[in-house]
PDB file of N, CA and C in Angstrom:
ATOM      1  N   LEU A   1      -1.969   6.027 -18.479  1.00  0.00           N
ATOM      2  CA  LEU A   1      -3.166   6.850 -18.434  1.00  0.00           C
ATOM      3  C   LEU A   1      -4.376   5.937 -18.461  1.00  0.00           C
ATOM      4  N   ALA A   2      -5.321   6.198 -17.594  1.00  0.00           N
ATOM      5  CA  ALA A   2      -6.570   5.438 -17.554  1.00  0.00           C
ATOM      6  C   ALA A   2      -7.717   6.415 -17.340  1.00  0.00           C
ATOM      7  N   VAL A   3      -8.815   6.158 -18.012  1.00  0.00           N
ATOM      8  CA  VAL A   3     -10.000   6.996 -17.885  1.00  0.00           C
ATOM      9  C   VAL A   3     -11.173   6.102 -17.518  1.00  0.00           C
ATOM     10  N   VAL A   4     -11.899   6.498 -16.489  1.00  0.00           N
ATOM     11  CA  VAL A   4     -13.108   5.785 -16.093  1.00  0.00           C
ATOM     12  C   VAL A   4     -14.284   6.671 -16.461  1.00  0.00           C
ATOM     13  N   TYR A   5     -15.203   6.123 -17.249  1.00  0.00           N
ATOM     14  CA  TYR A   5     -16.367   6.904 -17.655  1.00  0.00           C
ATOM     15  C   TYR A   5     -17.633   6.092 -17.475  1.00  0.00           C
ATOM     16  N   GLU A   6     -18.740   6.797 -17.433  1.00  0.00           N
ATOM     17  CA  GLU A   6     -20.054   6.175 -17.249  1.00  0.00           C
ATOM     18  C   GLU A   6     -20.598   5.752 -18.605  1.00  0.00           C
ATOM     19  N   ASP A   7     -20.982   4.497 -18.678  1.00  0.00           N
ATOM     20  CA  ASP A   7     -21.585   3.955 -19.889  1.00  0.00           C
ATOM     21  C   ASP A   7     -23.021   3.580 -19.538  1.00  0.00           C
ATOM     22  N   PRO A   8     -24.006   3.987 -20.320  1.00  0.00           N
ATOM     23  CA  PRO A   8     -25.396   3.745 -19.930  1.00  0.00           C
ATOM     24  C   PRO A   8     -25.798   2.271 -19.933  1.00  0.00           C
ATOM     25  N   TYR A   9     -25.121   1.439 -20.725  1.00  0.00           N
ATOM     26  CA  TYR A   9     -25.490   0.027 -20.819  1.00  0.00           C
ATOM     27  C   TYR A   9     -24.240  -0.839 -20.785  1.00  0.00           C
ATOM     28  N   ALA A  10     -24.391  -2.060 -20.308  1.00  0.00           N
ATOM     29  CA  ALA A  10     -23.290  -3.013 -20.329  1.00  0.00           C
ATOM     30  C   ALA A  10     -23.005  -3.420 -21.771  1.00  0.00           C
ATOM     31  N   VAL A  11     -21.798  -3.857 -22.031  1.00  0.00           N
ATOM     32  CA  VAL A  11     -21.390  -4.235 -23.379  1.00  0.00           C
ATOM     33  C   VAL A  11     -22.244  -5.384 -23.914  1.00  0.00           C
ATOM     34  N   ASP A  12     -22.588  -6.322 -23.050  1.00  0.00           N
ATOM     35  CA  ASP A  12     -23.340  -7.499 -23.485  1.00  0.00           C
ATOM     36  C   ASP A  12     -24.853  -7.372 -23.253  1.00  0.00           C
ATOM     37  N   ALA A  13     -25.355  -6.167 -23.001  1.00  0.00           N
ATOM     38  CA  ALA A  13     -26.794  -5.981 -22.805  1.00  0.00           C
ATOM     39  C   ALA A  13     -27.536  -6.246 -24.110  1.00  0.00           C
ATOM     40  N   ALA A  14     -28.621  -6.975 -24.015  1.00  0.00           N
ATOM     41  CA  ALA A  14     -29.363  -7.372 -25.217  1.00  0.00           C
ATOM     42  C   ALA A  14     -30.625  -6.543 -25.411  1.00  0.00           C
ATOM     43  N   ILE A  15     -30.591  -5.289 -24.971  1.00  0.00           N
ATOM     44  CA  ILE A  15     -31.750  -4.428 -25.178  1.00  0.00           C
ATOM     45  C   ILE A  15     -31.482  -3.505 -26.363  1.00  0.00           C
ATOM     46  N   TYR A  16     -32.528  -3.050 -26.986  1.00  0.00           N
ATOM     47  CA  TYR A  16     -32.398  -2.286 -28.229  1.00  0.00           C
ATOM     48  C   TYR A  16     -31.521  -1.041 -28.094  1.00  0.00           C
ATOM     49  N   PRO A  17     -31.717  -0.198 -27.069  1.00  0.00           N
ATOM     50  CA  PRO A  17     -30.867   1.004 -26.997  1.00  0.00           C
ATOM     51  C   PRO A  17     -29.379   0.684 -26.867  1.00  0.00           C
ATOM     52  N   ALA A  18     -29.033  -0.447 -26.298  1.00  0.00           N
ATOM     53  CA  ALA A  18     -27.624  -0.814 -26.165  1.00  0.00           C
ATOM     54  C   ALA A  18     -27.051  -1.339 -27.474  1.00  0.00           C
ATOM     55  N   GLN A  19     -27.891  -1.881 -28.347  1.00  0.00           N
ATOM     56  CA  GLN A  19     -27.421  -2.474 -29.596  1.00  0.00           C
ATOM     57  C   GLN A  19     -27.477  -1.516 -30.789  1.00  0.00           C
ATOM     58  N   CYS A  20     -28.372  -0.555 -30.749  1.00  0.00           N
ATOM     59  CA  CYS A  20     -28.550   0.365 -31.875  1.00  0.00           C
ATOM     60  C   CYS A  20     -27.415   1.393 -31.894  1.00  0.00           C
ATOM     61  N   ARG A  21     -26.658   1.437 -32.984  1.00  0.00           N
ATOM     62  CA  ARG A  21     -25.516   2.353 -33.056  1.00  0.00           C
ATOM     63  C   ARG A  21     -25.943   3.814 -33.103  1.00  0.00           C
ATOM     64  N   TYR A  22     -27.151   4.102 -33.502  1.00  0.00           N
ATOM     65  CA  TYR A  22     -27.624   5.483 -33.564  1.00  0.00           C
ATOM     66  C   TYR A  22     -28.010   6.036 -32.191  1.00  0.00           C
ATOM     67  N   LEU A  23     -28.213   5.155 -31.225  1.00  0.00           N
ATOM     68  CA  LEU A  23     -28.583   5.588 -29.884  1.00  0.00           C
ATOM     69  C   LEU A  23     -27.411   5.585 -28.909  1.00  0.00           C
ATOM     70  N   ARG A  24     -26.238   5.197 -29.354  1.00  0.00           N
ATOM     71  CA  ARG A  24     -25.055   5.206 -28.489  1.00  0.00           C
ATOM     72  C   ARG A  24     -24.659   6.650 -28.186  1.00  0.00           C
ATOM     73  N   PRO A  25     -24.026   6.857 -27.027  1.00  0.00           N
ATOM     74  CA  PRO A  25     -23.554   8.209 -26.698  1.00  0.00           C
ATOM     75  C   PRO A  25     -22.533   8.709 -27.717  1.00  0.00           C
ATOM     76  N   ARG A  26     -22.575   9.976 -28.017  1.00  0.00           N
ATOM     77  CA  ARG A  26     -21.666  10.596 -28.973  1.00  0.00           C
ATOM     78  C   ARG A  26     -20.362  10.987 -28.284  1.00  0.00           C
ATOM     79  N   TRP A  27     -19.307  11.171 -29.072  1.00  0.00           N
ATOM     80  CA  TRP A  27     -18.019  11.566 -28.528  1.00  0.00           C
ATOM     81  C   TRP A  27     -18.079  12.918 -27.831  1.00  0.00           C
ATOM     82  N   ARG A  28     -18.899  13.810 -28.304  1.00  0.00           N
ATOM     83  CA  ARG A  28     -18.986  15.139 -27.685  1.00  0.00           C
ATOM     84  C   ARG A  28     -19.621  15.083 -26.297  1.00  0.00           C
ATOM     85  N   GLU A  29     -20.306  13.975 -25.968  1.00  0.00           N
ATOM     86  CA  GLU A  29     -20.886  13.796 -24.641  1.00  0.00           C
ATOM     87  C   GLU A  29     -19.898  13.189 -23.646  1.00  0.00           C
ATOM     88  N   LEU A  30     -18.733  12.726 -24.127  1.00  0.00           N
ATOM     89  CA  LEU A  30     -17.764  12.055 -23.265  1.00  0.00           C
ATOM     90  C   LEU A  30     -17.278  12.916 -22.091  1.00  0.00           C
ATOM     91  N   PRO A  31     -16.964  14.184 -22.273  1.00  0.00           N
ATOM     92  CA  PRO A  31     -16.493  14.965 -21.111  1.00  0.00           C
ATOM     93  C   PRO A  31     -17.485  14.983 -19.945  1.00  0.00           C
ATOM     94  N   GLY A  32     -18.760  14.939 -20.213  1.00  0.00           N
ATOM     95  CA  GLY A  32     -19.752  14.904 -19.143  1.00  0.00           C
ATOM     96  C   GLY A  32     -19.909  13.542 -18.496  1.00  0.00           C
ATOM     97  N   ARG A  33     -19.362  12.499 -19.119  1.00  0.00           N
ATOM     98  CA  ARG A  33     -19.468  11.141 -18.603  1.00  0.00           C
ATOM     99  C   ARG A  33     -18.228  10.674 -17.855  1.00  0.00           C
ATOM    100  N   ILE A  34     -17.137  11.442 -17.914  1.00  0.00           N
ATOM    101  CA  ILE A  34     -15.887  11.043 -17.269  1.00  0.00           C
ATOM    102  C   ILE A  34     -16.054  11.098 -15.756  1.00  0.00           C
ATOM    103  N   LEU A  35     -15.706   9.995 -15.104  1.00  0.00           N
ATOM    104  CA  LEU A  35     -15.778   9.902 -13.652  1.00  0.00           C
ATOM    105  C   LEU A  35     -14.437  10.179 -12.988  1.00  0.00           C
ATOM    106  N   ASP A  36     -13.359   9.693 -13.608  1.00  0.00           N
ATOM    107  CA  ASP A  36     -12.041   9.897 -13.019  1.00  0.00           C
ATOM    108  C   ASP A  36     -10.962   9.661 -14.069  1.00  0.00           C
ATOM    109  N   VAL A  37      -9.805  10.251 -13.814  1.00  0.00           N
ATOM    110  CA  VAL A  37      -8.641  10.091 -14.675  1.00  0.00           C
ATOM    111  C   VAL A  37      -7.491   9.615 -13.801  1.00  0.00           C
ATOM    112  N   GLY A  38      -6.831   8.556 -14.234  1.00  0.00           N
ATOM    113  CA  GLY A  38      -5.722   8.019 -13.465  1.00  0.00           C
ATOM    114  C   GLY A  38      -4.429   8.073 -14.256  1.00  0.00           C
ATOM    115  N   PHE A  39      -3.390   8.599 -13.636  1.00  0.00           N
ATOM    116  CA  PHE A  39      -2.044   8.550 -14.186  1.00  0.00           C
ATOM    117  C   PHE A  39      -1.063   8.837 -13.071  1.00  0.00           C
ATOM    118  N   TRP A  40       0.197   8.458 -13.309  1.00  0.00           N
ATOM    119  CA  TRP A  40       1.252   8.562 -12.303  1.00  0.00           C
ATOM    120  C   TRP A  40       0.898   7.805 -11.037  1.00  0.00           C
ATOM    121  N   GLY A  41       0.201   6.693 -11.173  1.00  0.00           N
ATOM    122  CA  GLY A  41      -0.071   5.822 -10.039  1.00  0.00           C
ATOM    123  C   GLY A  41      -1.192   6.250  -9.117  1.00  0.00           C
ATOM    124  N   ARG A  42      -2.042   7.163  -9.541  1.00  0.00           N
ATOM    125  CA  ARG A  42      -3.156   7.555  -8.665  1.00  0.00           C
ATOM    126  C   ARG A  42      -4.355   7.996  -9.476  1.00  0.00           C
ATOM    127  N   TRP A  43      -5.519   7.915  -8.837  1.00  0.00           N
ATOM    128  CA  TRP A  43      -6.765   8.419  -9.413  1.00  0.00           C
ATOM    129  C   TRP A  43      -6.931   9.843  -8.888  1.00  0.00           C
ATOM    130  N   TRP A  44      -7.024  10.813  -9.773  1.00  0.00           N
ATOM    131  CA  TRP A  44      -6.976  12.223  -9.373  1.00  0.00           C
ATOM    132  C   TRP A  44      -8.280  12.729  -8.790  1.00  0.00           C
ATOM    133  N   VAL A  45      -9.407  12.467  -9.411  1.00  0.00           N
ATOM    134  CA  VAL A  45     -10.690  12.970  -8.896  1.00  0.00           C
ATOM    135  C   VAL A  45     -11.056  12.236  -7.607  1.00  0.00           C
ATOM    136  N   LEU A  46     -10.962  10.921  -7.619  1.00  0.00           N
ATOM    137  CA  LEU A  46     -11.294  10.127  -6.442  1.00  0.00           C
ATOM    138  C   LEU A  46     -10.390  10.480  -5.272  1.00  0.00           C
ATOM    139  N   GLY A  47      -9.108  10.648  -5.541  1.00  0.00           N
ATOM    140  CA  GLY A  47      -8.172  11.013  -4.480  1.00  0.00           C
ATOM    141  C   GLY A  47      -8.510  12.356  -3.846  1.00  0.00           C
ATOM    142  N   ALA A  48      -8.924  13.312  -4.653  1.00  0.00           N
ATOM    143  CA  ALA A  48      -9.275  14.640  -4.123  1.00  0.00           C
ATOM    144  C   ALA A  48     -10.573  14.593  -3.324  1.00  0.00           C
ATOM    145  N   ARG A  49     -11.528  13.800  -3.784  1.00  0.00           N
ATOM    146  CA  ARG A  49     -12.817  13.730  -3.088  1.00  0.00           C
ATOM    147  C   ARG A  49     -12.753  12.949  -1.789  1.00  0.00           C
ATOM    148  N   LEU A  50     -11.828  12.005  -1.682  1.00  0.00           N
ATOM    149  CA  LEU A  50     -11.741  11.176  -0.479  1.00  0.00           C
ATOM    150  C   LEU A  50     -10.695  11.667   0.513  1.00  0.00           C
ATOM    151  N   ARG A  51     -10.045  12.767   0.227  1.00  0.00           N
ATOM    152  CA  ARG A  51      -9.046  13.297   1.155  1.00  0.00           C
ATOM    153  C   ARG A  51      -9.740  13.769   2.425  1.00  0.00           C
ATOM    154  N   ASP A  52      -9.361  13.191   3.521  1.00  0.00           N
ATOM    155  CA  ASP A  52      -9.912  13.530   4.843  1.00  0.00           C
ATOM    156  C   ASP A  52     -11.428  13.432   4.890  1.00  0.00           C
ATOM    157  N   CYS A  53     -11.995  12.467   4.170  1.00  0.00           N
ATOM    158  CA  CYS A  53     -13.457  12.365   4.134  1.00  0.00           C
ATOM    159  C   CYS A  53     -14.024  11.811   5.432  1.00  0.00           C
ATOM    160  N   ASP A  54     -13.221  11.109   6.222  1.00  0.00           N
ATOM    161  CA  ASP A  54     -13.741  10.506   7.445  1.00  0.00           C
ATOM    162  C   ASP A  54     -13.241  11.207   8.706  1.00  0.00           C
ATOM    163  N   VAL A  55     -12.679  12.392   8.560  1.00  0.00           N
ATOM    164  CA  VAL A  55     -12.145  13.109   9.707  1.00  0.00           C
ATOM    165  C   VAL A  55     -13.174  14.123  10.193  1.00  0.00           C
ATOM    166  N   ASN A  56     -13.582  13.960  11.418  1.00  0.00           N
ATOM    167  CA  ASN A  56     -14.490  14.895  12.062  1.00  0.00           C
ATOM    168  C   ASN A  56     -13.692  15.606  13.146  1.00  0.00           C
ATOM    169  N   GLU A  57     -13.239  16.810  12.849  1.00  0.00           N
ATOM    170  CA  GLU A  57     -12.358  17.538  13.754  1.00  0.00           C
ATOM    171  C   GLU A  57     -13.000  17.774  15.120  1.00  0.00           C
ATOM    172  N   GLU A  58     -14.302  18.017  15.160  1.00  0.00           N
ATOM    173  CA  GLU A  58     -14.977  18.251  16.438  1.00  0.00           C
ATOM    174  C   GLU A  58     -14.943  17.012  17.316  1.00  0.00           C
ATOM    175  N   GLU A  59     -15.086  15.854  16.700  1.00  0.00           N
ATOM    176  CA  GLU A  59     -15.084  14.599  17.452  1.00  0.00           C
ATOM    177  C   GLU A  59     -13.706  14.311  18.048  1.00  0.00           C
ATOM    178  N   PHE A  60     -12.643  14.643  17.314  1.00  0.00           N
ATOM    179  CA  PHE A  60     -11.296  14.390  17.788  1.00  0.00           C
ATOM    180  C   PHE A  60     -10.793  15.471  18.733  1.00  0.00           C
ATOM    181  N   GLY A  61     -11.505  16.570  18.860  1.00  0.00           N
ATOM    182  CA  GLY A  61     -11.076  17.655  19.735  1.00  0.00           C
ATOM    183  C   GLY A  61     -11.048  17.274  21.198  1.00  0.00           C
ATOM    184  N   GLY A  62     -11.854  16.322  21.632  1.00  0.00           N
ATOM    185  CA  GLY A  62     -11.899  15.904  23.029  1.00  0.00           C
ATOM    186  C   GLY A  62     -10.878  14.847  23.388  1.00  0.00           C
ATOM    187  N   LEU A  63     -10.119  14.368  22.432  1.00  0.00           N
ATOM    188  CA  LEU A  63      -9.104  13.345  22.706  1.00  0.00           C
ATOM    189  C   LEU A  63      -7.872  13.955  23.346  1.00  0.00           C
ATOM    190  N   PRO A  64      -7.114  13.168  24.105  1.00  0.00           N
ATOM    191  CA  PRO A  64      -5.837  13.659  24.629  1.00  0.00           C
ATOM    192  C   PRO A  64      -4.890  14.008  23.477  1.00  0.00           C
ATOM    193  N   ALA A  65      -3.941  14.881  23.725  1.00  0.00           N
ATOM    194  CA  ALA A  65      -3.036  15.371  22.677  1.00  0.00           C
ATOM    195  C   ALA A  65      -2.273  14.244  21.997  1.00  0.00           C
ATOM    196  N   ARG A  66      -1.871  13.226  22.743  1.00  0.00           N
ATOM    197  CA  ARG A  66      -1.094  12.131  22.146  1.00  0.00           C
ATOM    198  C   ARG A  66      -1.926  11.322  21.160  1.00  0.00           C
ATOM    199  N   LEU A  67      -3.246  11.347  21.276  1.00  0.00           N
ATOM    200  CA  LEU A  67      -4.104  10.592  20.372  1.00  0.00           C
ATOM    201  C   LEU A  67      -4.605  11.431  19.191  1.00  0.00           C
ATOM    202  N   ARG A  68      -4.417  12.751  19.261  1.00  0.00           N
ATOM    203  CA  ARG A  68      -4.866  13.612  18.169  1.00  0.00           C
ATOM    204  C   ARG A  68      -3.919  13.582  16.976  1.00  0.00           C
ATOM    205  N   HIS A  69      -2.694  13.151  17.187  1.00  0.00           N
ATOM    206  CA  HIS A  69      -1.706  13.109  16.106  1.00  0.00           C
ATOM    207  C   HIS A  69      -1.513  11.663  15.662  1.00  0.00           C
ATOM    208  N   LEU A  70      -1.567  11.429  14.365  1.00  0.00           N
ATOM    209  CA  LEU A  70      -1.442  10.085  13.813  1.00  0.00           C
ATOM    210  C   LEU A  70      -0.236  10.023  12.889  1.00  0.00           C
ATOM    211  N   ASP A  71       0.694   9.144  13.194  1.00  0.00           N
ATOM    212  CA  ASP A  71       1.886   8.941  12.365  1.00  0.00           C
ATOM    213  C   ASP A  71       1.673   7.758  11.437  1.00  0.00           C
ATOM    214  N   PRO A  72       2.401   7.725  10.317  1.00  0.00           N
ATOM    215  CA  PRO A  72       2.257   6.605   9.379  1.00  0.00           C
ATOM    216  C   PRO A  72       2.516   5.239  10.016  1.00  0.00           C
ATOM    217  N   HIS A  73       3.412   5.176  11.007  1.00  0.00           N
ATOM    218  CA  HIS A  73       3.690   3.870  11.621  1.00  0.00           C
ATOM    219  C   HIS A  73       2.538   3.387  12.505  1.00  0.00           C
ATOM    220  N   HIS A  74       1.592   4.248  12.804  1.00  0.00           N
ATOM    221  CA  HIS A  74       0.398   3.823  13.551  1.00  0.00           C
ATOM    222  C   HIS A  74      -0.616   3.097  12.677  1.00  0.00           C
ATOM    223  N   LEU A  75      -0.514   3.301  11.372  1.00  0.00           N
ATOM    224  CA  LEU A  75      -1.459   2.706  10.450  1.00  0.00           C
ATOM    225  C   LEU A  75      -1.027   1.279  10.099  1.00  0.00           C
ATOM    226  N   ARG A  76      -1.978   0.402   9.990  1.00  0.00           N
ATOM    227  CA  ARG A  76      -1.698  -0.984   9.633  1.00  0.00           C
ATOM    228  C   ARG A  76      -2.619  -1.390   8.504  1.00  0.00           C
ATOM    229  N   SER A  77      -2.094  -2.113   7.562  1.00  0.00           N
ATOM    230  CA  SER A  77      -2.938  -2.656   6.504  1.00  0.00           C
ATOM    231  C   SER A  77      -2.547  -4.110   6.279  1.00  0.00           C
ATOM    232  N   HIS A  78      -3.495  -4.887   5.867  1.00  0.00           N
ATOM    233  CA  HIS A  78      -3.262  -6.307   5.623  1.00  0.00           C
ATOM    234  C   HIS A  78      -3.194  -6.539   4.133  1.00  0.00           C
ATOM    235  N   HIS A  79      -2.214  -7.274   3.708  1.00  0.00           N
ATOM    236  CA  HIS A  79      -2.034  -7.544   2.283  1.00  0.00           C
ATOM    237  C   HIS A  79      -2.837  -8.767   1.893  1.00  0.00           C
TER     238      HIS A  79
END
């Protein structure tokens, strides 16, 4: 399980609001600061937001039928 949350200041910031314990965010504010939750090998919020984010169906509508379908073996990634 991994949780990514927004922190207002870096850990090593040398400004007063970052050092004063009374000005740190409270635990009850944590749910509003959570950006994503990761478990079972994936980030759940990020994965949902990026699903088909670059697909423009209208743009692909003019392509020939053989180019409209993409199989996993067509994809290449470099390690």
